[in-house]
Amino acid sequence: MKEKHMKNLSTDWARLSKMRDADIDTSDIPPLDETFFKNVIIQMPEKKEIITIRLDKPVINWFRSKGKGYQTKINAILKTYIKSHAV
């Protein structure tokens, strides 16, 4: 999770950072046995293709003003558009 998103959480980070690993209650986490690992499917992220795209200046300026990751945001919006127009 990105640092900027963590600021809005109500977790007591100071208290957690002082905890030892042994003090964390993991009793509600089921053990991962051989069956789990036999059925695991590793999904690697898709490699992005580098392209050149022409955008109106106000459009690209708006995305850039949102900071780092603006190209990822453009990609996510285009993916959502594709899904919403699927036949």
C-alpha atoms as a PDB file:
ATOM      1  CA  MET A   1       0.000   0.000   0.000  1.00  0.00           C
ATOM      2  CA  LYS A   2       1.303   3.448  -0.854  1.00  0.00           C
ATOM      3  CA  GLU A   3       2.368   5.739   1.990  1.00  0.00           C
ATOM      4  CA  LYS A   4      -0.190   8.440   1.091  1.00  0.00           C
ATOM      5  CA  HIS A   5      -3.049   5.933   1.480  1.00  0.00           C
ATOM      6  CA  MET A   6      -1.784   4.696   4.832  1.00  0.00           C
ATOM      7  CA  LYS A   7      -2.102   8.148   6.455  1.00  0.00           C
ATOM      8  CA  ASN A   8      -5.907   7.935   6.392  1.00  0.00           C
ATOM      9  CA  LEU A   9      -6.075   4.596   8.198  1.00  0.00           C
ATOM     10  CA  SER A  10      -6.980   4.406  11.871  1.00  0.00           C
ATOM     11  CA  THR A  11      -4.385   1.742  12.677  1.00  0.00           C
ATOM     12  CA  ASP A  12      -2.132   2.451  15.650  1.00  0.00           C
ATOM     13  CA  TRP A  13       1.120   2.168  13.690  1.00  0.00           C
ATOM     14  CA  ALA A  14       3.305   3.260  16.621  1.00  0.00           C
ATOM     15  CA  ARG A  15       1.983   0.415  18.775  1.00  0.00           C
ATOM     16  CA  LEU A  16       2.337  -2.109  15.947  1.00  0.00           C
ATOM     17  CA  SER A  17       5.903  -1.102  15.138  1.00  0.00           C
ATOM     18  CA  LYS A  18       6.868  -1.875  18.755  1.00  0.00           C
ATOM     19  CA  MET A  19       5.372  -5.391  18.614  1.00  0.00           C
ATOM     20  CA  ARG A  20       7.590  -8.416  18.147  1.00  0.00           C
ATOM     21  CA  ASP A  21       6.579 -10.933  15.478  1.00  0.00           C
ATOM     22  CA  ALA A  22       6.005 -13.506  18.231  1.00  0.00           C
ATOM     23  CA  ASP A  23       3.377 -11.206  19.813  1.00  0.00           C
ATOM     24  CA  ILE A  24       1.160 -11.153  16.718  1.00  0.00           C
ATOM     25  CA  ASP A  25      -1.888 -13.421  16.997  1.00  0.00           C
ATOM     26  CA  THR A  26      -1.983 -15.567  13.864  1.00  0.00           C
ATOM     27  CA  SER A  27      -4.358 -18.207  15.244  1.00  0.00           C
ATOM     28  CA  ASP A  28      -7.087 -17.267  12.739  1.00  0.00           C
ATOM     29  CA  ILE A  29      -4.813 -17.926   9.747  1.00  0.00           C
ATOM     30  CA  PRO A  30      -5.152 -21.506   8.488  1.00  0.00           C
ATOM     31  CA  PRO A  31      -1.899 -23.390   7.859  1.00  0.00           C
ATOM     32  CA  LEU A  32      -0.771 -23.687   4.254  1.00  0.00           C
ATOM     33  CA  ASP A  33      -0.324 -27.363   3.524  1.00  0.00           C
ATOM     34  CA  GLU A  34       0.826 -29.283   0.437  1.00  0.00           C
ATOM     35  CA  THR A  35      -2.704 -29.182  -1.013  1.00  0.00           C
ATOM     36  CA  PHE A  36      -2.622 -25.400  -1.087  1.00  0.00           C
ATOM     37  CA  PHE A  37       0.687 -25.287  -2.927  1.00  0.00           C
ATOM     38  CA  LYS A  38      -0.370 -27.978  -5.431  1.00  0.00           C
ATOM     39  CA  ASN A  39      -3.286 -25.790  -6.526  1.00  0.00           C
ATOM     40  CA  VAL A  40      -1.463 -22.462  -6.634  1.00  0.00           C
ATOM     41  CA  ILE A  41      -1.487 -20.643  -9.946  1.00  0.00           C
ATOM     42  CA  ILE A  42       1.217 -18.015 -10.263  1.00  0.00           C
ATOM     43  CA  GLN A  43      -0.022 -14.970 -12.121  1.00  0.00           C
ATOM     44  CA  MET A  44       2.677 -12.661 -13.359  1.00  0.00           C
ATOM     45  CA  PRO A  45       1.671  -9.085 -14.162  1.00  0.00           C
ATOM     46  CA  GLU A  46       1.264  -8.344 -17.842  1.00  0.00           C
ATOM     47  CA  LYS A  47       4.214  -6.627 -19.435  1.00  0.00           C
ATOM     48  CA  LYS A  48       3.207  -3.178 -20.575  1.00  0.00           C
ATOM     49  CA  GLU A  49       3.799  -2.161 -24.166  1.00  0.00           C
ATOM     50  CA  ILE A  50       5.506   1.169 -24.729  1.00  0.00           C
ATOM     51  CA  ILE A  51       3.578   3.312 -27.211  1.00  0.00           C
ATOM     52  CA  THR A  52       3.179   6.937 -28.213  1.00  0.00           C
ATOM     53  CA  ILE A  53      -0.286   8.413 -27.803  1.00  0.00           C
ATOM     54  CA  ARG A  54      -1.482  11.895 -28.687  1.00  0.00           C
ATOM     55  CA  LEU A  55      -3.608  13.518 -26.007  1.00  0.00           C
ATOM     56  CA  ASP A  56      -5.048  17.000 -25.728  1.00  0.00           C
ATOM     57  CA  LYS A  57      -2.857  19.243 -23.587  1.00  0.00           C
ATOM     58  CA  PRO A  58      -5.531  19.811 -20.885  1.00  0.00           C
ATOM     59  CA  VAL A  59      -6.031  16.045 -20.602  1.00  0.00           C
ATOM     60  CA  ILE A  60      -2.364  15.201 -20.089  1.00  0.00           C
ATOM     61  CA  ASN A  61      -1.855  18.216 -17.813  1.00  0.00           C
ATOM     62  CA  TRP A  62      -4.720  17.038 -15.598  1.00  0.00           C
ATOM     63  CA  PHE A  63      -3.291  13.532 -15.286  1.00  0.00           C
ATOM     64  CA  ARG A  64       0.232  14.839 -14.656  1.00  0.00           C
ATOM     65  CA  SER A  65      -1.103  17.157 -11.956  1.00  0.00           C
ATOM     66  CA  LYS A  66      -2.225  14.068 -10.040  1.00  0.00           C
ATOM     67  CA  GLY A  67       1.419  13.143  -9.517  1.00  0.00           C
ATOM     68  CA  LYS A  68       3.463  10.004  -9.902  1.00  0.00           C
ATOM     69  CA  GLY A  69       1.684   7.113 -11.557  1.00  0.00           C
ATOM     70  CA  TYR A  70      -0.399   9.196 -13.952  1.00  0.00           C
ATOM     71  CA  GLN A  71       0.270   6.791 -16.831  1.00  0.00           C
ATOM     72  CA  THR A  72      -0.936   3.896 -14.688  1.00  0.00           C
ATOM     73  CA  LYS A  73      -4.118   5.877 -13.964  1.00  0.00           C
ATOM     74  CA  ILE A  74      -4.680   6.470 -17.687  1.00  0.00           C
ATOM     75  CA  ASN A  75      -4.221   2.728 -18.289  1.00  0.00           C
ATOM     76  CA  ALA A  76      -6.697   1.827 -15.519  1.00  0.00           C
ATOM     77  CA  ILE A  77      -9.308   4.239 -16.896  1.00  0.00           C
ATOM     78  CA  LEU A  78      -8.933   2.801 -20.389  1.00  0.00           C
ATOM     79  CA  LYS A  79      -9.275  -0.760 -19.019  1.00  0.00           C
ATOM     80  CA  THR A  80     -12.473   0.240 -17.206  1.00  0.00           C
ATOM     81  CA  TYR A  81     -13.807   1.794 -20.406  1.00  0.00           C
ATOM     82  CA  ILE A  82     -13.108  -1.423 -22.325  1.00  0.00           C
ATOM     83  CA  LYS A  83     -14.847  -3.572 -19.686  1.00  0.00           C
ATOM     84  CA  SER A  84     -17.895  -1.306 -19.639  1.00  0.00           C
ATOM     85  CA  HIS A  85     -18.212  -1.551 -23.425  1.00  0.00           C
ATOM     86  CA  ALA A  86     -17.649  -5.299 -23.719  1.00  0.00           C
ATOM     87  CA  VAL A  87     -20.138  -7.086 -25.921  1.00  0.00           C
END
